[in-house]
Amino acid sequence: MATLVAITFPTTEDAQTMLNTLENLQKQQLIQIEDGAIVTWPEGAKKPKTKQLTSMTGIGALGGAFWGMLFGLLFFIPFFGLAIGAAMGALMGHFANYGIDQGFIDQVRSKITPGTSALFLLTSGAVLDKVADAVKGQQFEIIQTNLSKEQEEKLRADFGE
């Protein structure tokens, strides 16, 4: 089963540092990164920057549509008019079928502020104890997953939150 995780970081560089760590673990076959995106919001910028991790033709187009719509929901709704807001509301209802509800959107919006970054990952096959050991010392907060409540509590405990 693939796991969707949203993680925030206190600086704009920390998300990339975490991604580098996880990519090294992937080379050791301790985690499989299926897809993901990084959001950085430099100080003084009006809005955050997003970067999709994979850009394969076909698969990348579908993934790009997913990440693009997710980040549109997260960061750009306040800037749209009523007509677009209604369309986005319908879209949010559609994304709720995938576990992306208004609570998730509001929680992520409140955590990603100027000077911070976030990493959104779709992973599978993680060897949690090895991954937890590898990321010790990095500052981050797991803000959302698609795991069950019990699985998420175990994940937070393993990662020292």
Protein backbone atom coordinates (compact mmCIF):
# COMPACT_ATOMS: atom_id res chain seq x y z
CA MET A 1 0.00 0.00 0.00
CA ALA A 2 1.27 3.46 -0.86
CA THR A 3 1.48 6.01 1.91
CA LEU A 4 0.89 9.73 1.37
CA VAL A 5 2.76 11.86 3.93
CA ALA A 6 2.90 15.64 4.29
CA ILE A 7 5.86 16.93 6.34
CA THR A 8 6.73 20.54 7.19
CA PHE A 9 10.14 22.00 7.98
CA PRO A 10 11.24 25.20 9.77
CA THR A 11 13.49 26.41 6.91
CA THR A 12 13.29 26.50 3.12
CA GLU A 13 16.27 24.13 2.77
CA ASP A 14 15.18 21.36 5.15
CA ALA A 15 12.69 19.69 2.78
CA GLN A 16 15.45 19.15 0.20
CA THR A 17 17.77 17.80 2.92
CA MET A 18 15.10 15.26 3.95
CA LEU A 19 14.51 14.30 0.32
CA ASN A 20 18.25 13.72 -0.19
CA THR A 21 18.30 11.47 2.89
CA LEU A 22 15.30 9.49 1.65
CA GLU A 23 16.76 9.14 -1.85
CA ASN A 24 19.90 7.64 -0.29
CA LEU A 25 17.71 5.21 1.65
CA GLN A 26 15.91 4.34 -1.58
CA LYS A 27 19.26 3.34 -3.11
CA GLN A 28 19.63 0.95 -0.16
CA GLN A 29 16.10 -0.38 -0.84
CA LEU A 30 14.84 0.80 2.55
CA ILE A 31 12.03 2.90 1.07
CA GLN A 32 10.44 3.35 -2.35
CA ILE A 33 9.57 6.92 -3.33
CA GLU A 34 6.71 6.63 -5.82
CA ASP A 35 6.12 10.34 -6.33
CA GLY A 36 6.24 13.59 -4.45
CA ALA A 37 6.66 17.31 -4.45
CA ILE A 38 8.53 19.97 -2.50
CA VAL A 39 7.01 23.28 -1.49
CA THR A 40 9.30 26.12 -0.47
CA TRP A 41 8.20 29.58 0.58
CA PRO A 42 11.21 31.91 0.67
CA GLU A 43 11.03 34.93 2.97
CA GLY A 44 9.66 37.93 1.10
CA ALA A 45 8.00 35.85 -1.64
CA LYS A 46 4.28 36.40 -2.25
CA LYS A 47 3.53 32.73 -2.68
CA PRO A 48 5.27 29.37 -2.31
CA LYS A 49 7.17 27.57 -5.08
CA THR A 50 6.41 23.96 -5.88
CA LYS A 51 8.56 21.36 -7.58
CA GLN A 52 7.35 17.92 -8.57
CA LEU A 53 9.90 15.17 -7.93
CA THR A 54 9.27 13.02 -11.00
CA SER A 55 8.57 14.22 -14.50
CA MET A 56 8.11 11.09 -16.58
CA THR A 57 6.02 11.48 -19.71
CA GLY A 58 2.53 10.06 -19.26
CA ILE A 59 2.89 9.08 -15.64
CA GLY A 60 4.35 12.51 -14.95
CA ALA A 61 1.36 14.16 -16.61
CA LEU A 62 -1.06 12.35 -14.32
CA GLY A 63 1.12 12.99 -11.27
CA GLY A 64 1.60 16.60 -12.33
CA ALA A 65 -2.14 17.05 -12.55
CA PHE A 66 -2.56 15.57 -9.07
CA TRP A 67 0.16 17.70 -7.44
CA GLY A 68 -0.89 20.80 -9.36
CA MET A 69 -4.48 20.50 -8.25
CA LEU A 70 -3.48 19.70 -4.67
CA PHE A 71 -1.26 22.77 -4.43
CA GLY A 72 -3.90 24.86 -6.16
CA LEU A 73 -6.31 23.81 -3.44
CA LEU A 74 -3.77 24.50 -0.72
CA PHE A 75 -2.43 27.88 -1.71
CA PHE A 76 -4.46 29.64 -4.35
CA ILE A 77 -8.12 29.43 -3.30
CA PRO A 78 -8.00 32.73 -1.38
CA PHE A 79 -7.07 34.50 -4.62
CA PHE A 80 -9.92 33.17 -6.80
CA GLY A 81 -13.31 34.75 -7.38
CA LEU A 82 -16.64 33.17 -6.54
CA ALA A 83 -17.08 31.35 -9.87
CA ILE A 84 -13.69 29.69 -9.65
CA GLY A 85 -14.30 29.08 -5.94
CA ALA A 86 -17.42 27.08 -6.79
CA ALA A 87 -15.49 24.98 -9.30
CA MET A 88 -12.71 24.47 -6.77
CA GLY A 89 -15.32 23.43 -4.20
CA ALA A 90 -16.49 20.71 -6.57
CA LEU A 91 -12.88 19.70 -7.12
CA MET A 92 -12.27 19.56 -3.37
CA GLY A 93 -15.26 17.23 -3.10
CA HIS A 94 -13.63 15.03 -5.74
CA PHE A 95 -10.29 15.01 -3.88
CA ALA A 96 -12.07 14.08 -0.65
CA ASN A 97 -12.55 10.66 -2.28
CA TYR A 98 -8.76 10.29 -2.16
CA GLY A 99 -8.49 11.29 1.49
CA ILE A 100 -7.73 14.97 0.81
CA ASP A 101 -10.38 16.77 2.81
CA GLN A 102 -10.87 20.35 3.92
CA GLY A 103 -9.22 19.61 7.28
CA PHE A 104 -6.04 18.49 5.49
CA ILE A 105 -6.06 21.57 3.29
CA ASP A 106 -6.56 23.93 6.24
CA GLN A 107 -3.90 22.17 8.33
CA VAL A 108 -1.28 22.33 5.57
CA ARG A 109 -2.13 25.96 4.75
CA SER A 110 -1.59 26.97 8.37
CA LYS A 111 1.79 25.19 8.62
CA ILE A 112 3.46 26.40 5.40
CA THR A 113 4.37 30.04 5.90
CA PRO A 114 7.11 32.31 4.54
CA GLY A 115 10.54 30.93 5.47
CA THR A 116 9.39 27.29 5.68
CA SER A 117 9.16 24.29 3.38
CA ALA A 118 7.20 21.07 3.04
CA LEU A 119 7.67 17.68 1.48
CA PHE A 120 4.74 15.68 0.12
CA LEU A 121 5.62 12.04 -0.54
CA LEU A 122 3.91 8.99 -1.90
CA THR A 123 6.00 6.06 -0.65
CA SER A 124 5.83 2.33 -0.21
CA GLY A 125 7.87 -0.44 1.36
CA ALA A 126 9.48 1.70 4.06
CA VAL A 127 11.58 -0.03 6.71
CA LEU A 128 10.45 2.38 9.40
CA ASP A 129 13.14 1.76 12.02
CA LYS A 130 15.94 2.32 9.47
CA VAL A 131 14.24 5.41 8.02
CA ALA A 132 13.64 6.82 11.51
CA ASP A 133 17.30 6.31 12.41
CA ALA A 134 18.44 8.02 9.21
CA VAL A 135 16.37 11.17 9.77
CA LYS A 136 17.13 11.62 13.46
CA GLY A 137 18.43 15.11 14.14
CA GLN A 138 16.44 16.70 11.31
CA GLN A 139 13.70 19.08 12.42
CA PHE A 140 10.30 18.33 10.90
CA GLU A 141 6.66 17.79 11.71
CA ILE A 142 4.48 15.12 10.14
CA ILE A 143 1.26 17.01 9.56
CA GLN A 144 -0.81 14.47 7.66
CA THR A 145 -0.78 10.90 6.38
CA ASN A 146 -3.32 8.57 4.80
CA LEU A 147 -2.58 5.91 7.41
CA SER A 148 -5.06 4.64 9.97
CA LYS A 149 -5.07 6.41 13.34
CA GLU A 150 -3.11 3.54 14.94
CA GLN A 151 -0.56 3.42 12.11
CA GLU A 152 -0.12 7.19 12.21
CA GLU A 153 0.42 7.15 15.99
CA LYS A 154 3.09 4.45 15.54
CA LEU A 155 4.74 6.48 12.77
CA ARG A 156 4.82 9.59 14.96
CA ALA A 157 6.22 7.56 17.87
CA ASP A 158 8.90 5.99 15.65
CA PHE A 159 9.94 9.42 14.41
CA GLY A 160 10.02 10.93 17.89
CA GLU A 161 7.11 13.36 17.57
